[in-house]
Every structure is written in structure tokens, then in C-alpha cells.
Amino acid sequence: MARSVFAFIALSTADGFIGVSPLVRSRGASKLGAFDPVGDELPKDGSDFKILERATSSSSLVKSTKMLVRAPEPIPTPALLTIDPVGTLIQHREPMGMFFREVLFDYSGLRLPRPDIFHDAYKMVYAEKCEEMPFFGKEAEVSSAEWWRDVVTRTYLEVGVPDDLLEEYMPEVFPELHEKVFTGAEGWELTKDADFVLGEIASWQESLGPKAPKLACVSDFDERLPLLLEGLGIRHYFDAVVTSKESASFEDPAAPFDAALTKFALTDAKGAVHVSAKIEGDIDAACAAGWQAVFVKGPPFSIPEANPTAAVYQRVGDILRFLDILGVGC
């Protein structure tokens, strides 16, 4: 299979920097101009690079700074492959605030604020709760249900639901959200390539026989994750599921990755690969544990600030591209 190559371009508008986009070929696309790589000259090692093209429909472009990015390097067959499914294989069907609003409305019939107000309130409360009690209350010895109940309660209070009405409806609203909506297909769905990617990995594992890598989930999630994966029809692909609720440690960010190795009696971290759509607490933690890591981030890209952990990882535009560097389907 031909080696995949990518080029990225940093785009600036009158309002400032807006991101870095990958090479995308589409009908009606036109080149942004002469290729002007960062640095003095093109590489002399025979590497292939391409120029970004973008649709001509956008008129906000003021100037462009071209950026040369080498294609991700192939990864030798690992002993262990782990994926954080959130953002790579599974995603919410709607913004969280929509579910908060709809469930409360179904039980109460109350006139409620817009879904985006609920969503903004949820994000704020969730971030605060993670600071107060990381890993869904693991180290505070609080159950995840109790942890989430507080998040739901504070979200409703934040958008202005009165205490007395909340007390009346929470016995029905919370179980609906916690045990039904966010533990199955009502609140979650597979990403468009999830079934194909997992099927290809399974076929690849079968073709390798005893030398096949193990496949596991490692995710910042509570103990409902196996049930959620089962409900979405993909639990059977994974040999193990490791969550932050069971294994994370504030003092040791690498703990979930060490736990994953232990599950399979493995000791060589360099023979393990983690794939995730999140840097902080995930890709950087995997790198800190000595693993190889692949960051999945679709366009528009942004240039990150200086990385304080100096984590070294590869980046692909979607989970499908990960198959290329793994050599699956070649």
C-alpha cells in the first residue's frame, strides 16, 4: 500500500490564527498559492510532501503560512493496542445539555432555558467536579453514581431550576440520565468508521494468530463503560476494559497504562500503543508510561502551546488513518 503523506497549513485571518488543516482533495478545490515550506529547502531524504488544497468557497483568508509535516511513521506490530473510545469510536448523539433539558422537560413540563445554556452549565460544573474529586470520586471513595448525581444537581441549579422542584423530580430524572441515556444507545452512538476499524483490527489479529496483539480500552470513564460498549455492539472486540474509576491515581498519571500491561502479564511498555482523541491526561500519560501514542484529531487543527510534558506522539486525522500506520489491510 502506498505510504500516506500529509501536508498542513496554518491559516490566518483578520481575526487571527484559526488552525491547521490537513490535505483534503475535493471537487472545486484550488491551490492557495506557491508552495513555501517552513525552513530553507525541501527534505533530501526522498520523503513525499503535498500542498494543501481547500475549497474556494471561503473568502475570509487574508494570509497563509505553509507548514511542512511528515507523514506518520509505521508502527511495528505491538504486543498491546489500547484505544480510548471516546471521540475515536463513540460519541454523544447530541450535546450533553440537550439531554439534561429533554429529560427534565419530559418529567416536569417546565418552561426551561435553551439547550446551549444547559450545555454550558454542564461543562462548567463537570470541570469543577473533576477538580474537586478526580476520577469520578475514586480517591475520595465516593461512588460514581453519587459523583454524577452532584454534577446533574448542580447543573440544574446553575440554569435556574428551583430547589423545591429539583427535589421533586430528581428521583426520576437522575436514574433516567445516569442508567439509561448515558449508558446506552440513547445518548451515545458509534463514530462513522468505528465498526469498520474494529472489524479490520479483528481480522488482522486473526491473521497473526498467536502473535496477535491484545486489544483493550483504556479510558477516563467510570465503571459503566463495559455496559455502554455492550449496548453499542462493540464490547466483544476488546480483551479488557480499563477505566480511570478503577485504576487511576492523581499521584501517578501512568497508573491506568501500567494496569493494562498487568492485565496481560506484559512488562515492556515500548511494545504497547495507545490511541486517543485527548492529549491531557491521556496521550501525555501514555507517553509518560513509556508507551507509543497516536493522537486522533480531525480538522481544523490548532498548533498546541509548548508541551510541558515533552510527550512524543504521532497524529492522524481520524481513526481510519490509524490503520495505515499500523499496517492493517496492507
Protein backbone atom coordinates (compact mmCIF):
# COMPACT_ATOMS: atom_id res chain seq x y z
CA MET A 1 0.00 0.00 0.00
CA ALA A 2 1.33 3.42 -0.85
CA ARG A 3 2.60 5.41 2.08
CA SER A 4 0.21 8.09 3.25
CA VAL A 5 1.54 11.63 3.16
CA PHE A 6 0.12 14.76 4.65
CA ALA A 7 0.73 18.47 4.45
CA PHE A 8 -0.71 21.03 6.81
CA ILE A 9 -1.20 24.75 6.51
CA ALA A 10 -1.56 27.35 9.22
CA LEU A 11 -4.33 29.75 8.29
CA SER A 12 -4.61 33.33 9.49
CA THR A 13 -7.50 35.70 9.07
CA ALA A 14 -8.12 39.28 10.02
CA ASP A 15 -9.25 37.91 13.38
CA GLY A 16 -6.08 35.93 13.95
CA PHE A 17 -4.92 32.34 13.76
CA ILE A 18 -7.69 29.82 13.05
CA GLY A 19 -5.90 26.49 12.89
CA VAL A 20 -4.02 23.95 10.87
CA SER A 21 -5.81 21.88 8.27
CA PRO A 22 -4.78 18.61 6.60
CA LEU A 23 -4.57 17.95 2.89
CA VAL A 24 -8.10 17.41 1.63
CA ARG A 25 -8.92 16.94 -2.04
CA SER A 26 -12.42 17.90 -3.05
CA ARG A 27 -14.21 19.00 -6.17
CA GLY A 28 -13.88 22.69 -6.80
CA ALA A 29 -10.74 22.94 -4.70
CA SER A 30 -7.99 25.36 -5.67
CA LYS A 31 -4.41 25.78 -4.50
CA LEU A 32 -3.73 28.54 -2.05
CA GLY A 33 -0.60 29.59 -3.89
CA ALA A 34 3.02 28.70 -4.40
CA PHE A 35 4.43 26.11 -2.02
CA ASP A 36 6.60 27.83 0.56
CA PRO A 37 7.80 25.28 3.12
CA VAL A 38 8.97 26.22 6.57
CA GLY A 39 12.78 26.10 6.51
CA ASP A 40 15.27 26.67 3.74
CA GLU A 41 14.52 23.80 1.39
CA LEU A 42 12.64 20.58 0.79
CA PRO A 43 13.92 17.45 2.55
CA LYS A 44 16.59 15.48 0.70
CA ASP A 45 15.71 12.04 2.07
CA GLY A 46 13.17 11.21 -0.62
CA SER A 47 10.14 11.92 1.58
CA ASP A 48 6.99 12.92 -0.24
CA PHE A 49 5.04 16.01 0.69
CA LYS A 50 1.96 17.63 -0.82
CA ILE A 51 0.46 21.09 -0.93
CA LEU A 52 -2.76 21.80 0.89
CA GLU A 53 -5.80 22.48 -1.24
CA ARG A 54 -9.00 23.95 0.12
CA ALA A 55 -12.45 24.76 -1.23
CA THR A 56 -12.74 28.14 -2.92
CA SER A 57 -15.94 29.00 -1.04
CA SER A 58 -14.16 30.67 1.89
CA SER A 59 -13.44 34.36 1.42
CA SER A 60 -12.07 35.14 4.88
CA LEU A 61 -8.48 34.17 4.16
CA VAL A 62 -6.11 37.10 4.49
CA LYS A 63 -2.75 35.39 4.53
CA SER A 64 -1.33 31.89 4.82
CA THR A 65 1.73 30.31 6.36
CA LYS A 66 2.56 26.93 4.84
CA MET A 67 3.74 24.21 7.16
CA LEU A 68 5.50 21.01 6.11
CA VAL A 69 4.55 17.94 8.15
CA ARG A 70 6.00 14.48 7.64
CA ALA A 71 3.63 11.52 7.32
CA PRO A 72 3.19 9.41 10.46
CA GLU A 73 5.73 6.60 10.76
CA PRO A 74 4.62 2.96 10.51
CA ILE A 75 4.29 1.18 13.84
CA PRO A 76 5.64 -2.37 14.20
CA THR A 77 3.11 -4.92 15.44
CA PRO A 78 2.68 -4.16 19.16
CA ALA A 79 2.04 -6.61 21.98
CA LEU A 80 -0.82 -4.48 23.25
CA LEU A 81 -3.04 -1.97 21.50
CA THR A 82 -5.37 0.21 23.56
CA ILE A 83 -7.95 2.74 22.45
CA ASP A 84 -9.78 5.42 24.39
CA PRO A 85 -13.14 5.02 22.61
CA VAL A 86 -14.49 8.48 23.44
CA GLY A 87 -14.04 10.67 20.37
CA THR A 88 -12.47 7.88 18.35
CA LEU A 89 -15.05 5.08 18.32
CA ILE A 90 -18.02 6.53 20.20
CA GLN A 91 -19.57 9.98 20.59
CA HIS A 92 -22.61 11.63 22.12
CA ARG A 93 -25.66 11.75 19.85
CA GLU A 94 -26.38 15.30 20.96
CA PRO A 95 -24.65 17.88 23.17
CA MET A 96 -24.99 16.90 26.83
CA GLY A 97 -27.15 19.92 27.59
CA MET A 98 -29.82 18.70 25.17
CA PHE A 99 -30.29 15.50 27.18
CA PHE A 100 -30.38 17.35 30.50
CA ARG A 101 -33.09 19.62 29.20
CA GLU A 102 -35.18 16.98 27.43
CA VAL A 103 -35.31 14.52 30.33
CA LEU A 104 -36.29 17.19 32.87
CA PHE A 105 -38.91 18.55 30.49
CA ASP A 106 -40.38 15.07 29.91
CA TYR A 107 -40.96 14.60 33.64
CA SER A 108 -41.89 18.15 34.62
CA GLY A 109 -43.26 20.02 31.61
CA LEU A 110 -41.44 23.08 32.94
CA ARG A 111 -40.52 26.02 30.73
CA LEU A 112 -36.73 25.66 30.52
CA PRO A 113 -33.74 27.60 29.13
CA ARG A 114 -32.22 26.80 25.73
CA PRO A 115 -30.16 23.60 25.38
CA ASP A 116 -26.91 25.55 24.88
CA ILE A 117 -27.40 27.19 28.28
CA PHE A 118 -27.73 23.73 29.82
CA HIS A 119 -24.65 22.56 27.95
CA ASP A 120 -22.51 25.49 29.08
CA ALA A 121 -23.64 24.96 32.66
CA TYR A 122 -22.83 21.26 32.46
CA LYS A 123 -19.32 21.87 31.11
CA MET A 124 -18.57 24.32 33.90
CA VAL A 125 -19.94 22.06 36.66
CA TYR A 126 -18.22 18.97 35.24
CA ALA A 127 -14.84 20.74 35.15
CA GLU A 128 -15.30 21.93 38.73
CA LYS A 129 -16.25 18.46 39.92
CA CYS A 130 -13.24 16.89 38.22
CA GLU A 131 -11.02 19.33 40.08
CA GLU A 132 -12.75 18.62 43.39
CA MET A 133 -12.90 14.83 43.03
CA PRO A 134 -10.83 13.42 40.15
CA PHE A 135 -11.61 10.09 38.51
CA PHE A 136 -15.29 10.08 39.41
CA GLY A 137 -14.61 10.11 43.13
CA LYS A 138 -12.18 7.16 43.19
CA GLU A 139 -9.68 8.60 45.63
CA ALA A 140 -12.40 10.20 47.76
CA GLU A 141 -14.12 6.80 47.99
CA VAL A 142 -17.31 8.24 46.51
CA SER A 143 -19.42 6.12 44.18
CA SER A 144 -19.59 7.25 40.57
CA ALA A 145 -23.38 7.44 40.84
CA GLU A 146 -23.08 9.83 43.78
CA TRP A 147 -20.43 11.82 41.86
CA TRP A 148 -22.66 12.16 38.82
CA ARG A 149 -25.76 12.95 40.87
CA ASP A 150 -23.98 16.00 42.24
CA VAL A 151 -22.98 17.07 38.71
CA VAL A 152 -26.56 16.74 37.49
CA THR A 153 -28.00 18.56 40.51
CA ARG A 154 -25.55 21.46 40.27
CA THR A 155 -26.13 21.76 36.52
CA TYR A 156 -29.87 22.17 37.01
CA LEU A 157 -29.35 24.67 39.82
CA GLU A 158 -26.91 26.61 37.62
CA VAL A 159 -29.54 27.13 34.90
CA GLY A 160 -32.09 28.32 37.47
CA VAL A 161 -34.24 25.29 38.30
CA PRO A 162 -35.66 25.95 41.79
CA ASP A 163 -34.53 23.73 44.67
CA ASP A 164 -38.01 22.52 45.56
CA LEU A 165 -38.84 21.47 42.00
CA LEU A 166 -35.48 19.79 41.61
CA GLU A 167 -36.02 17.82 44.79
CA GLU A 168 -39.36 16.68 43.42
CA TYR A 169 -38.12 15.46 40.03
CA MET A 170 -34.57 14.23 40.68
CA PRO A 171 -35.67 10.75 41.90
CA GLU A 172 -36.90 10.10 38.35
CA VAL A 173 -34.66 12.38 36.29
CA PHE A 174 -31.30 11.21 37.60
CA PRO A 175 -31.78 7.43 37.05
CA GLU A 176 -33.09 8.20 33.56
CA LEU A 177 -29.93 10.12 32.69
CA HIS A 178 -27.38 8.01 34.54
CA GLU A 179 -28.66 4.48 33.95
CA LYS A 180 -30.36 4.81 30.59
CA VAL A 181 -29.43 7.82 28.46
CA PHE A 182 -25.69 7.87 29.18
CA THR A 183 -25.25 4.09 29.46
CA GLY A 184 -26.53 3.10 26.05
CA ALA A 185 -27.54 3.96 22.52
CA GLU A 186 -29.99 6.68 23.52
CA GLY A 187 -27.19 9.05 24.46
CA TRP A 188 -24.26 7.58 22.54
CA GLU A 189 -23.52 6.37 19.03
CA LEU A 190 -20.62 4.88 17.10
CA THR A 191 -18.45 7.16 15.02
CA LYS A 192 -18.82 6.59 11.29
CA ASP A 193 -15.72 4.38 10.90
CA ALA A 194 -15.84 2.55 14.24
CA ASP A 195 -17.36 -0.73 13.04
CA PHE A 196 -15.05 -0.91 10.03
CA VAL A 197 -11.90 -0.12 12.01
CA LEU A 198 -12.67 -2.65 14.74
CA GLY A 199 -13.57 -5.28 12.17
CA GLU A 200 -10.29 -4.71 10.33
CA ILE A 201 -8.31 -4.96 13.56
CA ALA A 202 -10.12 -8.19 14.45
CA SER A 203 -9.32 -9.70 11.04
CA TRP A 204 -5.70 -8.58 11.40
CA GLN A 205 -5.48 -10.20 14.84
CA GLU A 206 -6.89 -13.43 13.45
CA SER A 207 -4.36 -13.44 10.61
CA LEU A 208 -1.46 -13.07 13.07
CA GLY A 209 -2.56 -16.00 15.20
CA PRO A 210 -0.68 -16.38 18.50
CA LYS A 211 1.46 -13.34 17.70
CA ALA A 212 -1.57 -11.05 17.51
CA PRO A 213 -1.64 -8.07 19.88
CA LYS A 214 -4.26 -7.82 22.57
CA LEU A 215 -6.85 -5.07 22.16
CA ALA A 216 -8.16 -3.16 25.16
CA CYS A 217 -9.94 0.04 26.16
CA VAL A 218 -8.15 2.46 28.45
CA SER A 219 -10.37 5.44 29.16
CA ASP A 220 -11.14 8.23 31.61
CA PHE A 221 -14.57 6.79 32.32
CA ASP A 222 -16.48 5.18 35.17
CA GLU A 223 -17.43 1.54 35.61
CA ARG A 224 -20.38 1.81 33.19
CA LEU A 225 -18.06 1.73 30.16
CA PRO A 226 -18.26 -2.05 29.53
CA LEU A 227 -22.06 -1.85 29.64
CA LEU A 228 -22.02 1.10 27.24
CA LEU A 229 -19.74 -0.71 24.80
CA GLU A 230 -22.04 -3.74 25.03
CA GLY A 231 -25.06 -1.58 24.28
CA LEU A 232 -23.34 -0.15 21.20
CA GLY A 233 -22.40 -3.62 19.98
CA ILE A 234 -18.59 -3.40 20.22
CA ARG A 235 -17.67 -4.85 23.63
CA HIS A 236 -16.74 -8.21 22.10
CA TYR A 237 -13.82 -6.68 20.21
CA PHE A 238 -11.91 -5.88 23.42
CA ASP A 239 -9.95 -8.28 25.57
CA ALA A 240 -10.19 -5.92 28.54
CA VAL A 241 -11.61 -2.56 29.61
CA VAL A 242 -9.60 -0.36 31.99
CA THR A 243 -11.25 2.76 33.40
CA SER A 244 -9.90 5.65 35.45
CA LYS A 245 -12.51 4.90 38.11
CA GLU A 246 -10.86 1.57 38.83
CA SER A 247 -7.20 2.30 38.20
CA ALA A 248 -6.30 6.00 38.01
CA SER A 249 -4.11 7.77 40.52
CA PHE A 250 -3.63 11.50 40.98
CA GLU A 251 -0.01 10.88 42.03
CA ASP A 252 0.72 8.56 39.10
CA PRO A 253 -0.91 9.53 35.77
CA ALA A 254 0.56 6.41 34.15
CA ALA A 255 -1.32 4.07 36.51
CA PRO A 256 -4.10 3.03 34.06
CA PHE A 257 -1.50 2.10 31.46
CA ASP A 258 0.51 0.09 33.96
CA ALA A 259 -2.75 -1.63 34.93
CA ALA A 260 -3.42 -2.50 31.29
CA LEU A 261 0.03 -4.09 30.94
CA THR A 262 -0.52 -6.06 34.15
CA LYS A 263 -3.82 -7.48 32.89
CA PHE A 264 -1.93 -9.22 30.10
CA ALA A 265 1.21 -10.06 32.10
CA LEU A 266 3.26 -7.69 29.93
CA THR A 267 6.27 -5.72 31.13
CA ASP A 268 7.64 -3.93 28.05
CA ALA A 269 5.86 -0.57 27.77
CA LYS A 270 7.59 0.14 24.46
CA GLY A 271 5.61 -2.71 22.93
CA ALA A 272 2.30 -1.03 23.72
CA VAL A 273 0.41 1.59 21.69
CA HIS A 274 -2.38 3.87 22.90
CA VAL A 275 -4.79 5.73 20.61
CA SER A 276 -6.85 8.66 21.86
CA ALA A 277 -8.54 11.91 20.87
CA LYS A 278 -7.36 13.62 24.07
CA ILE A 279 -3.89 14.89 24.96
CA GLU A 280 -4.08 15.94 28.60
CA GLY A 281 -4.26 13.02 30.99
CA ASP A 282 -4.32 10.52 28.15
CA ILE A 283 -1.78 10.78 25.32
CA ASP A 284 0.69 12.52 27.63
CA ALA A 285 0.09 9.93 30.37
CA ALA A 286 0.67 7.07 27.92
CA CYS A 287 3.93 8.68 26.84
CA ALA A 288 4.93 9.13 30.48
CA ALA A 289 4.33 5.40 30.95
CA GLY A 290 6.78 4.68 28.14
CA TRP A 291 4.15 3.75 25.57
CA GLN A 292 3.89 4.75 21.95
CA ALA A 293 0.90 7.02 21.38
CA VAL A 294 -1.24 8.17 18.46
CA PHE A 295 -3.36 11.31 18.75
CA VAL A 296 -6.54 11.33 16.65
CA LYS A 297 -7.57 14.87 15.76
CA GLY A 298 -9.57 15.92 12.75
CA PRO A 299 -9.57 19.36 11.13
CA PRO A 300 -9.41 22.16 11.91
CA PHE A 301 -6.07 21.57 13.58
CA SER A 302 -4.60 24.02 16.04
CA ILE A 303 -0.96 24.45 16.91
CA PRO A 304 -0.64 23.48 20.59
CA GLU A 305 1.22 25.54 23.11
CA ALA A 306 4.61 24.32 24.29
CA ASN A 307 4.13 20.83 25.69
CA PRO A 308 5.29 20.83 29.33
CA THR A 309 5.49 17.03 29.38
CA ALA A 310 7.55 16.84 26.18
CA ALA A 311 5.38 13.91 25.13
CA VAL A 312 6.34 12.50 21.75
CA TYR A 313 3.42 11.09 19.78
CA GLN A 314 2.11 10.72 16.26
CA ARG A 315 -1.04 12.36 14.95
CA VAL A 316 -3.62 11.20 12.44
CA GLY A 317 -6.74 12.93 11.14
CA ASP A 318 -9.19 10.15 12.06
CA ILE A 319 -9.28 6.63 13.46
CA LEU A 320 -9.37 5.18 9.93
CA ARG A 321 -5.91 6.63 9.19
CA PHE A 322 -4.56 4.80 12.20
CA LEU A 323 -4.97 1.53 10.29
CA ASP A 324 -2.45 2.79 7.72
CA ILE A 325 0.40 3.30 10.16
CA LEU A 326 -0.46 0.06 11.95
CA GLY A 327 -0.19 -1.76 8.63
CA VAL A 328 -3.69 -3.21 8.86
CA GLY A 329 -5.20 -4.03 5.48
CA CYS A 330 -1.88 -3.60 3.65
